Amino acid sequence: MSYATPGRSSGRTASKTPVYQIDFTAVASGKRVASTKRRVRWRFGFANVEALEAGQTGTECRGEEHDITLVWSITSGKRLVLADGQEVHYSNSRNSIFEFSWTMRGNHVLKIVAHASPPISAQPGFRQYDFFVDGQSFFYMPKVYRLGLTGKATGERYTHGSATRSNAPLKSGPAPISEIETPHNPVEEQAYLEQAIKESLKASAPTKVKPPKQPTNPAPPPVPSKEPDMLLDLFGAPT
């Protein structure tokens, strides 16, 4: 996959292909102190327009997919951005905020906005690690299994040159299901995470086997026989 030079346009207009999210992970990966190095990964894709127009939904509409990874050493200040395994940016800075944008094939503008640590009093909608495709936040993209099920496209528009964002819709129409499901603050994100952990533990918990029920009227013990014992005791004392 080819990527254009940061800040340079290829002269083509970005297509209106819907963008969907696959998954997001943020892992502390420092060798000695885990929190000193971050590895953040976003996976997204451009939907198959022909499949959408044919009325298909969900994973049947998957199209061209990409993997974006940010490796950030907080201690040394080294920042590395990989797009589909290829390096598109490397820098060294102790700044607590990292912003980088570049243009990929199809004139799609990708942008990463990351903070070394969340502020003490974060504003509603703040995200420590955010990624944008053509101005739309990754976290406002529909999930892959929602393709073809949402309403008209709306999203979070990024204001270039600053870390502020507005929630103005891109088009008029009802909000997509992805926007309703997406957590909008750290409290909701934590609640979603706890719920996911609970569901995962439920799924992995072994099924308990109930012991067999005891009969309500147990059978009486056997009555000892009154017949004389005809067996000889070979080891007993002689009579």
C-alpha atoms as a PDB file:
ATOM      1  CA  MET A   1       0.000   0.000   0.000  1.00  0.00           C
ATOM      2  CA  SER A   2       1.424   3.356  -1.025  1.00  0.00           C
ATOM      3  CA  TYR A   3       1.262   6.493   1.065  1.00  0.00           C
ATOM      4  CA  ALA A   4       1.848  10.023  -0.148  1.00  0.00           C
ATOM      5  CA  THR A   5       4.269  12.448   1.467  1.00  0.00           C
ATOM      6  CA  PRO A   6       2.810  14.200   4.543  1.00  0.00           C
ATOM      7  CA  GLY A   7       1.041  17.404   3.573  1.00  0.00           C
ATOM      8  CA  ARG A   8       1.160  16.646  -0.181  1.00  0.00           C
ATOM      9  CA  SER A   9      -1.976  15.888  -2.159  1.00  0.00           C
ATOM     10  CA  SER A  10      -2.037  13.407  -5.011  1.00  0.00           C
ATOM     11  CA  GLY A  11      -4.482  15.626  -6.945  1.00  0.00           C
ATOM     12  CA  ARG A  12      -7.406  13.203  -6.663  1.00  0.00           C
ATOM     13  CA  THR A  13     -10.513  13.777  -4.602  1.00  0.00           C
ATOM     14  CA  ALA A  14     -11.115  11.413  -1.703  1.00  0.00           C
ATOM     15  CA  SER A  15     -13.973   9.061  -2.437  1.00  0.00           C
ATOM     16  CA  LYS A  16     -17.175   8.959  -0.407  1.00  0.00           C
ATOM     17  CA  THR A  17     -16.582   5.330   0.506  1.00  0.00           C
ATOM     18  CA  PRO A  18     -17.891   4.654   4.043  1.00  0.00           C
ATOM     19  CA  VAL A  19     -15.159   3.929   6.581  1.00  0.00           C
ATOM     20  CA  TYR A  20     -15.619   1.321   9.324  1.00  0.00           C
ATOM     21  CA  GLN A  21     -13.691   0.346  12.431  1.00  0.00           C
ATOM     22  CA  ILE A  22     -12.358  -3.140  13.120  1.00  0.00           C
ATOM     23  CA  ASP A  23     -10.559  -2.866  16.461  1.00  0.00           C
ATOM     24  CA  PHE A  24      -8.454  -0.616  18.689  1.00  0.00           C
ATOM     25  CA  THR A  25      -5.780  -1.523  21.259  1.00  0.00           C
ATOM     26  CA  ALA A  26      -3.500   0.535  23.502  1.00  0.00           C
ATOM     27  CA  VAL A  27      -0.803  -1.419  25.356  1.00  0.00           C
ATOM     28  CA  ALA A  28       1.950  -0.315  27.756  1.00  0.00           C
ATOM     29  CA  SER A  29       5.020  -2.179  26.495  1.00  0.00           C
ATOM     30  CA  GLY A  30       8.073  -0.723  28.283  1.00  0.00           C
ATOM     31  CA  LYS A  31      10.828  -3.251  29.103  1.00  0.00           C
ATOM     32  CA  ARG A  32      11.498  -2.102  32.678  1.00  0.00           C
ATOM     33  CA  VAL A  33       8.601   0.247  33.403  1.00  0.00           C
ATOM     34  CA  ALA A  34       5.628  -0.686  31.245  1.00  0.00           C
ATOM     35  CA  SER A  35       4.035   2.778  31.295  1.00  0.00           C
ATOM     36  CA  THR A  36       7.095   4.431  29.685  1.00  0.00           C
ATOM     37  CA  LYS A  37       6.312   3.010  26.237  1.00  0.00           C
ATOM     38  CA  ARG A  38       2.970   2.884  24.446  1.00  0.00           C
ATOM     39  CA  ARG A  39       1.903   0.806  21.483  1.00  0.00           C
ATOM     40  CA  VAL A  40      -1.404   2.018  20.052  1.00  0.00           C
ATOM     41  CA  ARG A  41      -3.103   0.290  17.131  1.00  0.00           C
ATOM     42  CA  TRP A  42      -6.131   1.141  15.014  1.00  0.00           C
ATOM     43  CA  ARG A  43      -7.557  -1.178  12.344  1.00  0.00           C
ATOM     44  CA  PHE A  44     -10.088   0.216   9.901  1.00  0.00           C
ATOM     45  CA  GLY A  45     -11.404  -0.351   6.394  1.00  0.00           C
ATOM     46  CA  PHE A  46     -13.196   1.182   3.448  1.00  0.00           C
ATOM     47  CA  ALA A  47     -16.506  -0.546   2.789  1.00  0.00           C
ATOM     48  CA  ASN A  48     -17.295  -2.325  -0.471  1.00  0.00           C
ATOM     49  CA  VAL A  49     -19.677   0.144  -2.130  1.00  0.00           C
ATOM     50  CA  GLU A  50     -20.989  -2.433  -4.607  1.00  0.00           C
ATOM     51  CA  ALA A  51     -21.950  -4.759  -1.758  1.00  0.00           C
ATOM     52  CA  LEU A  52     -23.707  -1.918   0.087  1.00  0.00           C
ATOM     53  CA  GLU A  53     -25.643  -0.918  -3.019  1.00  0.00           C
ATOM     54  CA  ALA A  54     -26.648  -4.557  -3.496  1.00  0.00           C
ATOM     55  CA  GLY A  55     -28.269  -4.478  -0.051  1.00  0.00           C
ATOM     56  CA  GLN A  56     -25.720  -6.634   1.725  1.00  0.00           C
ATOM     57  CA  THR A  57     -24.834  -5.963   5.368  1.00  0.00           C
ATOM     58  CA  GLY A  58     -22.193  -6.657   7.982  1.00  0.00           C
ATOM     59  CA  THR A  59     -19.011  -8.477   7.098  1.00  0.00           C
ATOM     60  CA  GLU A  60     -20.276  -9.080   3.554  1.00  0.00           C
ATOM     61  CA  CYS A  61     -19.483  -5.396   2.937  1.00  0.00           C
ATOM     62  CA  ARG A  62     -15.835  -5.549   4.027  1.00  0.00           C
ATOM     63  CA  GLY A  63     -13.443  -3.922   1.603  1.00  0.00           C
ATOM     64  CA  GLU A  64      -9.897  -2.536   1.645  1.00  0.00           C
ATOM     65  CA  GLU A  65      -8.554  -2.684   5.224  1.00  0.00           C
ATOM     66  CA  HIS A  66      -5.581  -1.034   6.891  1.00  0.00           C
ATOM     67  CA  ASP A  67      -3.542  -1.245  10.088  1.00  0.00           C
ATOM     68  CA  ILE A  68      -2.121   1.886  11.759  1.00  0.00           C
ATOM     69  CA  THR A  69       0.298   1.578  14.702  1.00  0.00           C
ATOM     70  CA  LEU A  70       1.858   4.255  16.902  1.00  0.00           C
ATOM     71  CA  VAL A  71       4.886   3.275  19.018  1.00  0.00           C
ATOM     72  CA  TRP A  72       5.710   6.058  21.497  1.00  0.00           C
ATOM     73  CA  SER A  73       8.509   5.968  24.057  1.00  0.00           C
ATOM     74  CA  ILE A  74       7.529   8.557  26.664  1.00  0.00           C
ATOM     75  CA  THR A  75      10.971   8.512  28.294  1.00  0.00           C
ATOM     76  CA  SER A  76      13.135   8.975  25.180  1.00  0.00           C
ATOM     77  CA  GLY A  77      10.549  10.866  23.134  1.00  0.00           C
ATOM     78  CA  LYS A  78      10.840   8.549  20.121  1.00  0.00           C
ATOM     79  CA  ARG A  79       7.641   8.308  18.056  1.00  0.00           C
ATOM     80  CA  LEU A  80       7.188   5.810  15.235  1.00  0.00           C
ATOM     81  CA  VAL A  81       4.107   5.495  13.009  1.00  0.00           C
ATOM     82  CA  LEU A  82       3.563   2.382  10.896  1.00  0.00           C
ATOM     83  CA  ALA A  83       0.902   2.066   8.193  1.00  0.00           C
ATOM     84  CA  ASP A  84       0.330  -1.541   7.112  1.00  0.00           C
ATOM     85  CA  GLY A  85       3.791  -2.345   8.479  1.00  0.00           C
ATOM     86  CA  GLN A  86       5.539   0.470   6.583  1.00  0.00           C
ATOM     87  CA  GLU A  87       7.164   3.387   8.398  1.00  0.00           C
ATOM     88  CA  VAL A  88       5.492   6.697   7.520  1.00  0.00           C
ATOM     89  CA  HIS A  89       6.859   8.833  10.364  1.00  0.00           C
ATOM     90  CA  TYR A  90       9.691   8.901  12.873  1.00  0.00           C
ATOM     91  CA  SER A  91      10.580  11.744  15.219  1.00  0.00           C
ATOM     92  CA  ASN A  92      12.127  12.436  18.604  1.00  0.00           C
ATOM     93  CA  SER A  93      10.482  14.983  20.891  1.00  0.00           C
ATOM     94  CA  ARG A  94       9.607  15.292  24.579  1.00  0.00           C
ATOM     95  CA  ASN A  95       6.350  17.074  23.779  1.00  0.00           C
ATOM     96  CA  SER A  96       3.425  15.555  25.700  1.00  0.00           C
ATOM     97  CA  ILE A  97       1.125  15.818  22.665  1.00  0.00           C
ATOM     98  CA  PHE A  98       1.799  14.011  19.398  1.00  0.00           C
ATOM     99  CA  GLU A  99       0.037  15.014  16.175  1.00  0.00           C
ATOM    100  CA  PHE A 100       0.841  13.730  12.718  1.00  0.00           C
ATOM    101  CA  SER A 101      -1.122  13.635   9.465  1.00  0.00           C
ATOM    102  CA  TRP A 102      -0.371  12.182   6.055  1.00  0.00           C
ATOM    103  CA  THR A 103      -2.166  11.369   2.815  1.00  0.00           C
ATOM    104  CA  MET A 104      -2.657   7.843   1.576  1.00  0.00           C
ATOM    105  CA  ARG A 105      -3.641   6.507  -1.842  1.00  0.00           C
ATOM    106  CA  GLY A 106      -7.008   7.839  -2.928  1.00  0.00           C
ATOM    107  CA  ASN A 107      -6.243  11.236  -1.334  1.00  0.00           C
ATOM    108  CA  HIS A 108      -7.549  10.086   2.051  1.00  0.00           C
ATOM    109  CA  VAL A 109      -6.090  12.192   4.876  1.00  0.00           C
ATOM    110  CA  LEU A 110      -5.125  10.211   7.997  1.00  0.00           C
ATOM    111  CA  LYS A 111      -4.289  11.884  11.297  1.00  0.00           C
ATOM    112  CA  ILE A 112      -3.154  10.720  14.742  1.00  0.00           C
ATOM    113  CA  VAL A 113      -3.650  12.812  17.882  1.00  0.00           C
ATOM    114  CA  ALA A 114      -2.149  11.277  21.046  1.00  0.00           C
ATOM    115  CA  HIS A 115      -1.493  12.542  24.570  1.00  0.00           C
ATOM    116  CA  ALA A 116       1.193  11.176  26.886  1.00  0.00           C
ATOM    117  CA  SER A 117      -1.301  11.350  29.763  1.00  0.00           C
ATOM    118  CA  PRO A 118      -4.898  12.503  30.122  1.00  0.00           C
ATOM    119  CA  PRO A 119      -5.444  15.978  31.643  1.00  0.00           C
ATOM    120  CA  ILE A 120      -6.599  16.309  35.240  1.00  0.00           C
ATOM    121  CA  SER A 121      -9.915  17.784  34.130  1.00  0.00           C
ATOM    122  CA  ALA A 122     -10.679  16.296  30.723  1.00  0.00           C
ATOM    123  CA  GLN A 123     -13.387  17.863  28.614  1.00  0.00           C
ATOM    124  CA  PRO A 124     -16.362  15.718  27.521  1.00  0.00           C
ATOM    125  CA  GLY A 125     -15.427  13.662  24.479  1.00  0.00           C
ATOM    126  CA  PHE A 126     -11.693  13.736  25.221  1.00  0.00           C
ATOM    127  CA  ARG A 127      -9.701  10.724  24.068  1.00  0.00           C
ATOM    128  CA  GLN A 128      -6.074  10.086  24.956  1.00  0.00           C
ATOM    129  CA  TYR A 129      -5.456   8.349  21.611  1.00  0.00           C
ATOM    130  CA  ASP A 130      -7.506   9.320  18.581  1.00  0.00           C
ATOM    131  CA  PHE A 131      -7.244   8.584  14.882  1.00  0.00           C
ATOM    132  CA  PHE A 132      -9.033  10.326  12.012  1.00  0.00           C
ATOM    133  CA  VAL A 133      -9.787   9.400   8.411  1.00  0.00           C
ATOM    134  CA  ASP A 134     -10.837  12.380   6.278  1.00  0.00           C
ATOM    135  CA  GLY A 135     -11.715  14.249   9.474  1.00  0.00           C
ATOM    136  CA  GLN A 136     -13.877  11.486  10.968  1.00  0.00           C
ATOM    137  CA  SER A 137     -12.856  10.026  14.317  1.00  0.00           C
ATOM    138  CA  PHE A 138     -12.192   6.295  14.383  1.00  0.00           C
ATOM    139  CA  PHE A 139     -14.531   6.003  17.375  1.00  0.00           C
ATOM    140  CA  TYR A 140     -17.439   7.454  15.393  1.00  0.00           C
ATOM    141  CA  MET A 141     -17.072   5.003  12.532  1.00  0.00           C
ATOM    142  CA  PRO A 142     -19.575   2.143  12.416  1.00  0.00           C
ATOM    143  CA  LYS A 143     -18.289  -1.241  13.503  1.00  0.00           C
ATOM    144  CA  VAL A 144     -17.773  -3.737  10.718  1.00  0.00           C
ATOM    145  CA  TYR A 145     -20.842  -5.779  11.687  1.00  0.00           C
ATOM    146  CA  ARG A 146     -22.998  -2.612  11.452  1.00  0.00           C
ATOM    147  CA  LEU A 147     -22.235  -1.928   7.806  1.00  0.00           C
ATOM    148  CA  GLY A 148     -25.412  -1.411   5.842  1.00  0.00           C
ATOM    149  CA  LEU A 149     -27.490  -1.115   9.030  1.00  0.00           C
ATOM    150  CA  THR A 150     -26.799   2.518   9.983  1.00  0.00           C
ATOM    151  CA  GLY A 151     -28.473   5.672   8.761  1.00  0.00           C
ATOM    152  CA  LYS A 152     -26.825   8.473   6.852  1.00  0.00           C
ATOM    153  CA  ALA A 153     -23.160   9.062   7.637  1.00  0.00           C
ATOM    154  CA  THR A 154     -22.382  11.406  10.483  1.00  0.00           C
ATOM    155  CA  GLY A 155     -19.167  11.726  12.355  1.00  0.00           C
ATOM    156  CA  GLU A 156     -16.762  13.738  14.386  1.00  0.00           C
ATOM    157  CA  ARG A 157     -15.003  16.379  12.337  1.00  0.00           C
ATOM    158  CA  TYR A 158     -11.434  17.251  13.269  1.00  0.00           C
ATOM    159  CA  THR A 159     -10.317  20.886  13.200  1.00  0.00           C
ATOM    160  CA  HIS A 160      -6.856  20.847  11.655  1.00  0.00           C
ATOM    161  CA  GLY A 161      -4.137  22.627  13.595  1.00  0.00           C
ATOM    162  CA  SER A 162      -5.682  22.155  17.013  1.00  0.00           C
ATOM    163  CA  ALA A 163      -6.737  19.409  19.368  1.00  0.00           C
ATOM    164  CA  THR A 164     -10.353  20.576  19.469  1.00  0.00           C
ATOM    165  CA  ARG A 165     -13.159  18.669  17.810  1.00  0.00           C
ATOM    166  CA  SER A 166     -16.746  19.452  16.960  1.00  0.00           C
ATOM    167  CA  ASN A 167     -19.603  16.991  16.790  1.00  0.00           C
ATOM    168  CA  ALA A 168     -21.362  18.681  13.863  1.00  0.00           C
ATOM    169  CA  PRO A 169     -22.921  16.100  11.518  1.00  0.00           C
ATOM    170  CA  LEU A 170     -21.407  15.687   8.097  1.00  0.00           C
ATOM    171  CA  LYS A 171     -24.874  15.227   6.582  1.00  0.00           C
ATOM    172  CA  SER A 172     -28.391  15.692   7.806  1.00  0.00           C
ATOM    173  CA  GLY A 173     -30.175  12.593   8.994  1.00  0.00           C
ATOM    174  CA  PRO A 174     -30.480  10.295  12.008  1.00  0.00           C
ATOM    175  CA  ALA A 175     -27.428   9.489  14.066  1.00  0.00           C
ATOM    176  CA  PRO A 176     -25.876   6.098  13.255  1.00  0.00           C
ATOM    177  CA  ILE A 177     -26.119   3.183  15.638  1.00  0.00           C
ATOM    178  CA  SER A 178     -22.335   3.348  16.092  1.00  0.00           C
ATOM    179  CA  GLU A 179     -22.652   6.841  17.596  1.00  0.00           C
ATOM    180  CA  ILE A 180     -25.247   5.627  20.096  1.00  0.00           C
ATOM    181  CA  GLU A 181     -23.052   2.690  21.134  1.00  0.00           C
ATOM    182  CA  THR A 182     -19.794   4.639  21.304  1.00  0.00           C
ATOM    183  CA  PRO A 183     -18.717   5.764  24.814  1.00  0.00           C
ATOM    184  CA  HIS A 184     -18.427   9.543  25.027  1.00  0.00           C
ATOM    185  CA  ASN A 185     -16.388   9.953  28.203  1.00  0.00           C
ATOM    186  CA  PRO A 186     -13.900   8.022  30.385  1.00  0.00           C
ATOM    187  CA  VAL A 187     -16.671   6.880  32.768  1.00  0.00           C
ATOM    188  CA  GLU A 188     -18.627   5.260  29.927  1.00  0.00           C
ATOM    189  CA  GLU A 189     -15.469   3.709  28.503  1.00  0.00           C
ATOM    190  CA  GLN A 190     -14.672   2.141  31.887  1.00  0.00           C
ATOM    191  CA  ALA A 191     -18.242   0.862  32.227  1.00  0.00           C
ATOM    192  CA  TYR A 192     -18.107  -0.672  28.745  1.00  0.00           C
ATOM    193  CA  LEU A 193     -14.766  -2.308  29.560  1.00  0.00           C
ATOM    194  CA  GLU A 194     -16.050  -3.780  32.833  1.00  0.00           C
ATOM    195  CA  GLN A 195     -19.138  -5.127  31.085  1.00  0.00           C
ATOM    196  CA  ALA A 196     -17.000  -6.704  28.370  1.00  0.00           C
ATOM    197  CA  ILE A 197     -14.805  -8.356  31.014  1.00  0.00           C
ATOM    198  CA  LYS A 198     -17.886  -9.738  32.786  1.00  0.00           C
ATOM    199  CA  GLU A 199     -19.275 -11.155  29.550  1.00  0.00           C
ATOM    200  CA  SER A 200     -15.895 -12.690  28.731  1.00  0.00           C
ATOM    201  CA  LEU A 201     -15.678 -14.334  32.154  1.00  0.00           C
ATOM    202  CA  LYS A 202     -19.210 -15.685  31.750  1.00  0.00           C
ATOM    203  CA  ALA A 203     -18.351 -17.202  28.398  1.00  0.00           C
ATOM    204  CA  SER A 204     -15.151 -18.813  29.688  1.00  0.00           C
ATOM    205  CA  ALA A 205     -16.559 -20.061  33.042  1.00  0.00           C
ATOM    206  CA  PRO A 206     -16.897 -23.880  33.198  1.00  0.00           C
ATOM    207  CA  THR A 207     -20.433 -25.230  33.330  1.00  0.00           C
ATOM    208  CA  LYS A 208     -21.319 -26.486  36.782  1.00  0.00           C
ATOM    209  CA  VAL A 209     -22.733 -30.015  36.882  1.00  0.00           C
ATOM    210  CA  LYS A 210     -25.504 -30.353  39.425  1.00  0.00           C
ATOM    211  CA  PRO A 211     -25.277 -33.436  41.687  1.00  0.00           C
ATOM    212  CA  PRO A 212     -28.039 -36.003  41.191  1.00  0.00           C
ATOM    213  CA  LYS A 213     -31.043 -35.456  43.402  1.00  0.00           C
ATOM    214  CA  GLN A 214     -31.468 -37.844  46.314  1.00  0.00           C
ATOM    215  CA  PRO A 215     -34.715 -39.859  46.217  1.00  0.00           C
ATOM    216  CA  THR A 216     -37.373 -38.475  48.559  1.00  0.00           C
ATOM    217  CA  ASN A 217     -38.237 -41.949  49.829  1.00  0.00           C
ATOM    218  CA  PRO A 218     -34.989 -43.875  50.135  1.00  0.00           C
ATOM    219  CA  ALA A 219     -35.205 -47.650  50.057  1.00  0.00           C
ATOM    220  CA  PRO A 220     -35.058 -49.312  53.506  1.00  0.00           C
ATOM    221  CA  PRO A 221     -31.807 -51.019  54.436  1.00  0.00           C
ATOM    222  CA  PRO A 222     -31.678 -54.797  53.806  1.00  0.00           C
ATOM    223  CA  VAL A 223     -32.975 -56.961  56.646  1.00  0.00           C
ATOM    224  CA  PRO A 224     -30.293 -59.347  57.983  1.00  0.00           C
ATOM    225  CA  SER A 225     -31.052 -62.973  57.276  1.00  0.00           C
ATOM    226  CA  LYS A 226     -32.151 -65.094  60.240  1.00  0.00           C
ATOM    227  CA  GLU A 227     -30.927 -68.374  58.673  1.00  0.00           C
ATOM    228  CA  PRO A 228     -27.924 -70.040  60.408  1.00  0.00           C
ATOM    229  CA  ASP A 229     -24.527 -69.292  59.001  1.00  0.00           C
ATOM    230  CA  MET A 230     -23.433 -72.487  57.206  1.00  0.00           C
ATOM    231  CA  LEU A 231     -19.940 -71.236  56.321  1.00  0.00           C
ATOM    232  CA  LEU A 232     -17.012 -72.744  58.225  1.00  0.00           C
ATOM    233  CA  ASP A 233     -14.563 -70.465  59.979  1.00  0.00           C
ATOM    234  CA  LEU A 234     -11.246 -72.089  59.029  1.00  0.00           C
ATOM    235  CA  PHE A 235      -9.178 -69.616  61.021  1.00  0.00           C
ATOM    236  CA  GLY A 236     -11.213 -69.590  64.147  1.00  0.00           C
ATOM    237  CA  ALA A 237     -10.343 -71.423  67.384  1.00  0.00           C
ATOM    238  CA  PRO A 238     -11.380 -75.093  67.460  1.00  0.00           C
ATOM    239  CA  THR A 239     -14.543 -75.854  69.435  1.00  0.00           C
END
